[in-house]
N, C-alpha and C. Protein backbone atom coordinates (compact mmCIF):
# COMPACT_ATOMS: atom_id res chain seq x y z
N UNK A 1 -26.78 27.92 91.83
CA UNK A 1 -26.29 29.12 91.25
C UNK A 1 -24.87 28.88 90.96
N UNK A 2 -24.34 28.24 91.87
CA UNK A 2 -23.00 27.91 91.62
C UNK A 2 -23.03 27.26 90.29
N UNK A 3 -22.08 27.50 89.61
CA UNK A 3 -22.03 26.90 88.30
C UNK A 3 -23.10 27.54 87.46
N UNK A 4 -23.39 28.76 87.74
CA UNK A 4 -24.40 29.40 86.93
C UNK A 4 -23.97 29.17 85.52
N UNK A 5 -25.00 28.76 84.82
CA UNK A 5 -24.75 28.49 83.45
C UNK A 5 -24.62 29.70 82.65
N UNK A 6 -24.68 29.77 86.14
CA UNK A 6 -24.24 30.65 86.35
C UNK A 6 -23.22 30.56 86.07
N UNK A 7 -18.21 34.78 83.48
CA UNK A 7 -17.78 35.22 82.69
C UNK A 7 -16.67 35.20 81.84
N UNK A 8 -12.79 34.65 74.38
CA UNK A 8 -12.54 36.11 74.44
C UNK A 8 -11.75 36.46 73.22
N UNK A 9 -12.29 37.55 73.06
CA UNK A 9 -11.74 37.92 71.76
C UNK A 9 -10.22 38.02 71.78
N UNK A 10 -9.62 38.30 72.89
CA UNK A 10 -8.16 38.42 72.95
C UNK A 10 -7.48 37.05 72.92
N UNK A 11 -8.26 35.99 72.75
CA UNK A 11 -7.68 34.68 72.53
C UNK A 11 -7.37 33.89 73.78
N UNK A 12 -7.71 34.38 74.94
CA UNK A 12 -7.44 33.63 76.16
C UNK A 12 -8.49 32.56 76.35
N UNK A 13 -8.11 31.46 76.93
CA UNK A 13 -9.06 30.43 77.34
C UNK A 13 -8.75 30.10 78.78
N UNK A 14 -9.66 29.37 79.43
CA UNK A 14 -9.39 28.99 80.81
C UNK A 14 -8.12 28.14 80.89
N UNK A 15 -7.90 27.30 79.90
CA UNK A 15 -6.69 26.49 79.96
C UNK A 15 -5.46 27.38 79.85
N UNK A 16 -5.55 28.47 79.13
CA UNK A 16 -4.43 29.39 79.03
C UNK A 16 -4.23 30.13 80.34
N UNK A 17 -5.30 30.19 81.16
CA UNK A 17 -5.20 30.86 82.46
C UNK A 17 -4.70 29.91 83.54
N UNK A 18 -4.36 28.69 83.15
CA UNK A 18 -3.94 27.69 84.12
C UNK A 18 -2.82 28.26 85.00
N UNK A 19 -2.75 27.72 86.18
CA UNK A 19 -1.81 28.22 87.16
C UNK A 19 -0.36 28.10 86.69
N UNK A 20 0.41 29.02 87.15
CA UNK A 20 1.84 28.96 86.93
C UNK A 20 2.50 29.52 88.18
N UNK A 21 3.79 29.60 88.18
CA UNK A 21 4.47 30.13 89.35
C UNK A 21 4.45 31.66 89.36
N UNK A 22 3.79 32.26 88.38
CA UNK A 22 3.72 33.71 88.29
C UNK A 22 2.45 34.21 88.94
N UNK A 23 2.58 35.18 89.84
CA UNK A 23 1.40 35.75 90.46
C UNK A 23 0.74 36.72 89.47
N UNK A 24 -0.54 37.01 89.69
CA UNK A 24 -1.26 37.93 88.84
C UNK A 24 -2.10 38.87 89.69
N UNK A 25 -2.33 40.06 89.17
CA UNK A 25 -3.24 41.03 89.75
C UNK A 25 -4.15 41.47 88.61
N UNK A 26 -5.46 41.24 88.74
CA UNK A 26 -6.38 41.47 87.64
C UNK A 26 -7.48 42.45 88.02
N UNK A 27 -7.44 43.69 87.52
CA UNK A 27 -8.56 44.60 87.73
C UNK A 27 -9.78 44.06 86.98
N UNK A 28 -10.96 44.28 87.50
CA UNK A 28 -12.18 43.81 86.86
C UNK A 28 -12.26 44.27 85.41
N UNK A 29 -11.81 45.48 85.15
CA UNK A 29 -11.87 46.02 83.78
C UNK A 29 -10.98 45.26 82.81
N UNK A 30 -10.04 44.46 83.31
CA UNK A 30 -9.12 43.70 82.45
C UNK A 30 -9.43 42.20 82.45
N UNK A 31 -10.38 41.77 83.28
CA UNK A 31 -10.70 40.34 83.39
C UNK A 31 -11.47 39.88 82.15
N UNK A 32 -11.14 38.69 81.69
CA UNK A 32 -11.86 38.10 80.56
C UNK A 32 -13.32 37.92 80.95
N UNK A 33 -14.22 38.28 80.04
CA UNK A 33 -15.66 38.16 80.27
C UNK A 33 -16.21 37.10 79.33
N UNK A 34 -17.01 36.20 79.87
CA UNK A 34 -17.64 35.17 79.06
C UNK A 34 -19.15 35.21 79.28
N UNK A 35 -19.91 34.84 78.23
CA UNK A 35 -21.37 34.84 78.27
C UNK A 35 -21.89 33.43 78.03
N UNK A 36 -22.87 33.02 78.83
CA UNK A 36 -23.49 31.70 78.69
C UNK A 36 -24.14 31.56 77.32
N UNK A 37 -24.21 30.34 76.78
CA UNK A 37 -24.88 30.13 75.50
C UNK A 37 -26.31 30.67 75.47
N UNK A 38 -26.99 30.66 76.61
CA UNK A 38 -28.36 31.17 76.70
C UNK A 38 -28.41 32.69 76.65
N UNK A 39 -27.26 33.36 76.91
CA UNK A 39 -27.21 34.81 76.96
C UNK A 39 -27.71 35.40 78.26
N UNK A 40 -28.08 34.56 79.24
CA UNK A 40 -28.66 35.05 80.49
C UNK A 40 -27.67 35.20 81.63
N UNK A 41 -26.42 34.77 81.42
CA UNK A 41 -25.42 34.84 82.49
C UNK A 41 -24.07 35.20 81.91
N UNK A 42 -23.26 35.88 82.73
CA UNK A 42 -21.88 36.19 82.37
C UNK A 42 -20.98 35.87 83.55
N UNK A 43 -19.71 35.67 83.24
CA UNK A 43 -18.72 35.50 84.29
C UNK A 43 -17.44 36.22 83.89
N UNK A 44 -16.89 36.98 84.82
CA UNK A 44 -15.55 37.55 84.67
C UNK A 44 -14.60 36.53 85.27
N UNK A 45 -13.61 36.10 84.50
CA UNK A 45 -12.62 35.14 84.97
C UNK A 45 -11.55 35.90 85.73
N UNK A 46 -11.65 35.92 87.05
CA UNK A 46 -10.76 36.75 87.85
C UNK A 46 -9.43 36.09 88.16
N UNK A 47 -9.44 34.81 88.53
CA UNK A 47 -8.20 34.12 88.87
C UNK A 47 -8.41 32.61 88.80
N UNK A 48 -7.37 31.91 88.37
CA UNK A 48 -7.41 30.45 88.32
C UNK A 48 -6.02 29.95 88.64
N UNK A 49 -5.93 29.15 89.69
CA UNK A 49 -4.64 28.59 90.10
C UNK A 49 -4.71 27.08 90.12
N UNK A 50 -3.75 26.45 90.77
CA UNK A 50 -3.74 25.00 90.88
C UNK A 50 -4.83 24.49 91.80
N UNK A 51 -5.26 25.31 92.77
CA UNK A 51 -6.17 24.84 93.80
C UNK A 51 -7.49 25.58 93.89
N UNK A 52 -7.72 26.57 93.05
CA UNK A 52 -8.97 27.33 93.14
C UNK A 52 -9.23 28.13 91.88
N UNK A 53 -10.48 28.54 91.74
CA UNK A 53 -10.94 29.42 90.67
C UNK A 53 -11.80 30.49 91.33
N UNK A 54 -11.66 31.76 90.89
CA UNK A 54 -12.49 32.86 91.39
C UNK A 54 -13.09 33.59 90.19
N UNK A 55 -14.40 33.80 90.24
CA UNK A 55 -15.09 34.52 89.18
C UNK A 55 -16.14 35.46 89.73
N UNK A 56 -16.51 36.44 88.92
CA UNK A 56 -17.61 37.36 89.25
C UNK A 56 -18.75 36.98 88.33
N UNK A 57 -19.78 36.37 88.92
CA UNK A 57 -20.88 35.79 88.19
C UNK A 57 -22.08 36.72 88.19
N UNK A 58 -22.74 36.86 87.03
CA UNK A 58 -23.97 37.64 86.94
C UNK A 58 -25.02 36.80 86.23
N UNK A 59 -26.26 36.86 86.73
CA UNK A 59 -27.38 36.10 86.16
C UNK A 59 -28.58 37.02 86.05
N UNK A 60 -29.20 37.04 84.86
CA UNK A 60 -30.37 37.87 84.64
C UNK A 60 -31.50 37.54 85.62
N UNK A 61 -32.31 38.53 85.93
CA UNK A 61 -33.49 38.31 86.75
C UNK A 61 -34.34 37.22 86.13
N UNK A 62 -34.87 36.32 86.98
CA UNK A 62 -35.69 35.22 86.51
C UNK A 62 -34.90 34.06 85.95
N UNK A 63 -33.56 34.18 85.92
CA UNK A 63 -32.72 33.11 85.38
C UNK A 63 -32.72 31.88 86.28
N UNK A 64 -32.26 30.78 85.73
CA UNK A 64 -32.25 29.52 86.47
C UNK A 64 -30.98 28.74 86.15
N UNK A 65 -30.45 28.08 87.17
CA UNK A 65 -29.34 27.14 87.00
C UNK A 65 -29.92 25.75 87.27
N UNK A 66 -29.87 24.87 86.26
CA UNK A 66 -30.46 23.55 86.45
C UNK A 66 -29.70 22.70 87.47
N UNK A 67 -30.35 21.65 87.92
CA UNK A 67 -29.74 20.73 88.88
C UNK A 67 -28.45 20.15 88.30
N UNK A 68 -27.40 20.17 89.14
CA UNK A 68 -26.10 19.66 88.72
C UNK A 68 -25.25 19.35 89.94
N UNK A 69 -24.10 18.77 89.71
CA UNK A 69 -23.11 18.49 90.76
C UNK A 69 -21.74 18.92 90.24
N UNK A 70 -20.91 19.46 91.12
CA UNK A 70 -19.54 19.79 90.77
C UNK A 70 -18.61 18.95 91.64
N UNK A 71 -17.45 18.62 91.10
CA UNK A 71 -16.52 17.71 91.76
C UNK A 71 -15.77 18.32 92.94
N UNK A 72 -15.81 19.65 93.08
CA UNK A 72 -15.09 20.29 94.19
C UNK A 72 -16.05 21.14 95.01
N UNK A 73 -15.58 21.56 96.17
CA UNK A 73 -16.35 22.50 96.96
C UNK A 73 -16.56 23.78 96.16
N UNK A 74 -17.65 24.47 96.46
CA UNK A 74 -17.91 25.75 95.81
C UNK A 74 -18.44 26.72 96.86
N UNK A 75 -18.09 27.98 96.66
CA UNK A 75 -18.54 29.06 97.53
C UNK A 75 -19.12 30.15 96.65
N UNK A 76 -20.21 30.75 97.10
CA UNK A 76 -20.82 31.89 96.42
C UNK A 76 -21.04 32.97 97.48
N UNK A 77 -20.69 34.21 97.15
CA UNK A 77 -21.01 35.34 98.02
C UNK A 77 -21.84 36.31 97.19
N UNK A 78 -23.07 36.57 97.63
CA UNK A 78 -24.01 37.41 96.89
C UNK A 78 -23.72 38.88 97.16
N UNK A 79 -23.48 39.63 96.08
CA UNK A 79 -23.26 41.07 96.18
C UNK A 79 -24.53 41.86 95.90
N UNK A 80 -25.34 41.34 94.97
CA UNK A 80 -26.58 42.02 94.56
C UNK A 80 -27.59 40.96 94.12
N UNK A 81 -28.87 41.23 94.36
CA UNK A 81 -29.92 40.32 93.93
C UNK A 81 -30.08 39.17 94.90
N UNK A 82 -30.73 38.11 94.43
CA UNK A 82 -30.95 36.95 95.27
C UNK A 82 -31.99 36.04 94.66
N UNK A 83 -32.23 34.95 95.34
CA UNK A 83 -33.19 33.96 94.86
C UNK A 83 -33.17 32.78 95.79
N UNK A 84 -33.46 31.59 95.23
CA UNK A 84 -33.52 30.37 96.03
C UNK A 84 -32.55 29.35 95.49
N UNK A 85 -31.63 28.92 96.34
CA UNK A 85 -30.71 27.84 95.99
C UNK A 85 -31.18 26.58 96.71
N UNK A 86 -31.15 25.47 96.01
CA UNK A 86 -31.50 24.18 96.60
C UNK A 86 -30.23 23.33 96.62
N UNK A 87 -29.84 22.92 97.82
CA UNK A 87 -28.64 22.11 98.01
C UNK A 87 -29.06 20.81 98.67
N UNK A 88 -28.85 19.70 97.97
CA UNK A 88 -29.23 18.38 98.47
C UNK A 88 -30.66 18.37 99.00
N UNK A 89 -31.57 18.97 98.23
CA UNK A 89 -32.99 18.94 98.55
C UNK A 89 -33.48 19.97 99.55
N UNK A 90 -32.60 20.82 100.07
CA UNK A 90 -32.99 21.84 101.05
C UNK A 90 -32.90 23.21 100.39
N UNK A 91 -34.02 23.98 100.45
CA UNK A 91 -34.07 25.32 99.88
C UNK A 91 -33.51 26.35 100.85
N UNK A 92 -32.77 27.32 100.28
CA UNK A 92 -32.20 28.42 101.06
C UNK A 92 -32.44 29.71 100.28
N UNK A 93 -32.88 30.76 100.97
CA UNK A 93 -33.10 32.06 100.35
C UNK A 93 -31.80 32.86 100.39
N UNK A 94 -31.41 33.41 99.23
CA UNK A 94 -30.20 34.21 99.14
C UNK A 94 -30.55 35.68 98.96
N UNK A 95 -29.75 36.54 99.56
CA UNK A 95 -29.90 37.99 99.43
C UNK A 95 -28.50 38.59 99.56
N UNK A 96 -28.36 39.90 99.26
CA UNK A 96 -27.03 40.51 99.36
C UNK A 96 -26.40 40.28 100.73
N UNK A 97 -25.13 39.90 100.72
CA UNK A 97 -24.40 39.63 101.96
C UNK A 97 -24.41 38.16 102.36
N UNK A 98 -25.19 37.33 101.68
CA UNK A 98 -25.25 35.91 101.99
C UNK A 98 -24.07 35.18 101.36
N UNK A 99 -23.47 34.26 102.12
CA UNK A 99 -22.40 33.42 101.61
C UNK A 99 -22.86 31.97 101.67
N UNK A 100 -22.61 31.23 100.61
CA UNK A 100 -23.04 29.84 100.49
C UNK A 100 -21.82 28.94 100.36
N UNK A 101 -21.83 27.84 101.09
CA UNK A 101 -20.82 26.78 100.94
C UNK A 101 -21.54 25.55 100.41
N UNK A 102 -21.01 24.95 99.33
CA UNK A 102 -21.55 23.72 98.77
C UNK A 102 -20.46 22.67 98.78
N UNK A 103 -20.70 21.55 99.47
CA UNK A 103 -19.69 20.49 99.48
C UNK A 103 -19.47 19.90 98.09
N UNK A 104 -18.35 19.27 97.87
CA UNK A 104 -18.09 18.57 96.62
C UNK A 104 -19.21 17.56 96.36
N UNK A 105 -19.65 17.49 95.13
CA UNK A 105 -20.68 16.55 94.67
C UNK A 105 -22.07 16.80 95.23
N UNK A 106 -22.31 17.94 95.86
CA UNK A 106 -23.66 18.27 96.32
C UNK A 106 -24.57 18.45 95.11
N UNK A 107 -25.83 18.09 95.25
CA UNK A 107 -26.81 18.34 94.18
C UNK A 107 -27.35 19.75 94.37
N UNK A 108 -27.16 20.60 93.36
CA UNK A 108 -27.47 22.02 93.49
C UNK A 108 -28.30 22.51 92.30
N UNK A 109 -29.26 23.40 92.59
CA UNK A 109 -29.98 24.14 91.54
C UNK A 109 -30.24 25.53 92.09
N UNK A 110 -30.58 26.47 91.21
CA UNK A 110 -30.81 27.84 91.64
C UNK A 110 -31.88 28.50 90.79
N UNK A 111 -32.80 29.20 91.45
CA UNK A 111 -33.82 30.02 90.78
C UNK A 111 -33.59 31.45 91.22
N UNK A 112 -33.27 32.32 90.26
CA UNK A 112 -32.99 33.72 90.57
C UNK A 112 -34.29 34.49 90.74
N UNK A 113 -34.24 35.49 91.60
CA UNK A 113 -35.37 36.39 91.76
C UNK A 113 -35.47 37.34 90.58
N UNK A 114 -36.28 38.39 90.69
CA UNK A 114 -36.50 39.30 89.56
C UNK A 114 -35.32 40.22 89.25
N UNK A 115 -34.44 40.45 90.22
CA UNK A 115 -33.30 41.35 90.03
C UNK A 115 -32.08 40.58 89.55
N UNK A 116 -31.22 41.24 88.79
CA UNK A 116 -29.96 40.64 88.32
C UNK A 116 -29.13 40.24 89.54
N UNK A 117 -28.62 39.03 89.53
CA UNK A 117 -27.74 38.54 90.58
C UNK A 117 -26.31 38.87 90.22
N UNK A 118 -25.55 39.38 91.17
CA UNK A 118 -24.11 39.55 91.03
C UNK A 118 -23.49 38.86 92.24
N UNK A 119 -22.55 37.95 91.99
CA UNK A 119 -21.95 37.18 93.08
C UNK A 119 -20.50 36.84 92.76
N UNK A 120 -19.72 36.64 93.81
CA UNK A 120 -18.38 36.08 93.66
C UNK A 120 -18.50 34.57 93.77
N UNK A 121 -17.84 33.86 92.89
CA UNK A 121 -17.89 32.40 92.86
C UNK A 121 -16.48 31.87 93.03
N UNK A 122 -16.32 30.90 93.93
CA UNK A 122 -15.02 30.28 94.16
C UNK A 122 -15.19 28.77 94.11
N UNK A 123 -14.41 28.12 93.27
CA UNK A 123 -14.32 26.66 93.27
C UNK A 123 -13.03 26.31 93.99
N UNK A 124 -13.09 25.32 94.89
CA UNK A 124 -11.92 24.91 95.65
C UNK A 124 -10.99 24.03 94.83
N UNK A 125 -11.20 23.97 93.58
CA UNK A 125 -10.34 23.32 92.61
C UNK A 125 -10.75 23.92 91.28
N UNK A 126 -9.86 24.12 90.35
CA UNK A 126 -10.22 24.83 89.12
C UNK A 126 -11.01 24.00 88.11
N UNK A 127 -11.09 22.68 88.28
CA UNK A 127 -11.72 21.83 87.27
C UNK A 127 -13.16 22.20 86.93
N UNK A 128 -14.06 22.47 87.91
CA UNK A 128 -15.43 22.79 87.55
C UNK A 128 -15.57 24.03 86.68
N UNK A 129 -14.61 24.94 86.73
CA UNK A 129 -14.67 26.15 85.92
C UNK A 129 -14.49 25.86 84.44
N UNK A 130 -14.06 24.66 84.09
CA UNK A 130 -13.91 24.30 82.67
C UNK A 130 -15.23 24.42 81.93
N UNK A 131 -16.36 24.39 82.64
CA UNK A 131 -17.67 24.55 81.98
C UNK A 131 -17.75 25.89 81.27
N UNK A 132 -17.00 26.88 81.73
CA UNK A 132 -17.03 28.21 81.12
C UNK A 132 -16.29 28.26 79.79
N UNK A 133 -15.56 27.19 79.45
CA UNK A 133 -14.91 27.12 78.14
C UNK A 133 -15.93 27.17 77.01
N UNK A 134 -17.16 26.71 77.28
CA UNK A 134 -18.21 26.70 76.25
C UNK A 134 -18.91 28.06 76.12
N UNK A 135 -18.64 28.98 77.02
CA UNK A 135 -19.26 30.29 76.97
C UNK A 135 -18.52 31.17 75.97
N UNK A 136 -19.20 32.15 75.40
CA UNK A 136 -18.61 33.05 74.42
C UNK A 136 -17.71 34.06 75.09
N UNK A 137 -16.51 34.27 74.55
CA UNK A 137 -15.57 35.22 75.12
C UNK A 137 -15.74 36.61 74.54
N UNK A 138 -15.36 37.60 75.33
CA UNK A 138 -15.40 39.01 74.94
C UNK A 138 -14.09 39.65 75.37
N UNK A 139 -13.66 40.63 74.64
CA UNK A 139 -12.47 41.38 75.02
C UNK A 139 -12.71 42.08 76.35
N UNK A 140 -11.67 42.21 77.14
CA UNK A 140 -11.78 42.95 78.39
C UNK A 140 -12.09 44.41 78.10
N UNK A 141 -12.82 45.03 79.01
CA UNK A 141 -13.18 46.44 78.85
C UNK A 141 -11.94 47.30 78.97
N UNK A 142 -11.95 48.44 78.31
CA UNK A 142 -10.83 49.39 78.43
C UNK A 142 -10.81 49.97 79.83
N UNK A 143 -9.64 50.30 80.34
CA UNK A 143 -9.53 50.84 81.72
C UNK A 143 -10.24 52.16 81.87
């Protein structure tokens, strides 16, 4: 799930969100939203610094994240929905309130259940989030 293939018209890109010495506070309604090429997943780009990335990931019911590896640690905290994540060949059932830790370079895939998944995603380095550069951007919602 991590890396859900598991969210702009205002012209921002992840590289433009690169860390700086300026702190930021981003309400969800102002966060850049991106949609996967498949149209089955979105991510709100909440924060990206020198050492981490935080996003709010959503995946349609029945969605799937194919087997992949990311170069940094990843964490997922499930807020809604659930399914089965496979990490290095071991299946784990996810449900609301579950937190997942994936070591760097772990082999991961995810099969979502019938309900839309909503989760917080954290990469322990911002590089893996570059995959979201290929997703379609949308203007942030009005407050």
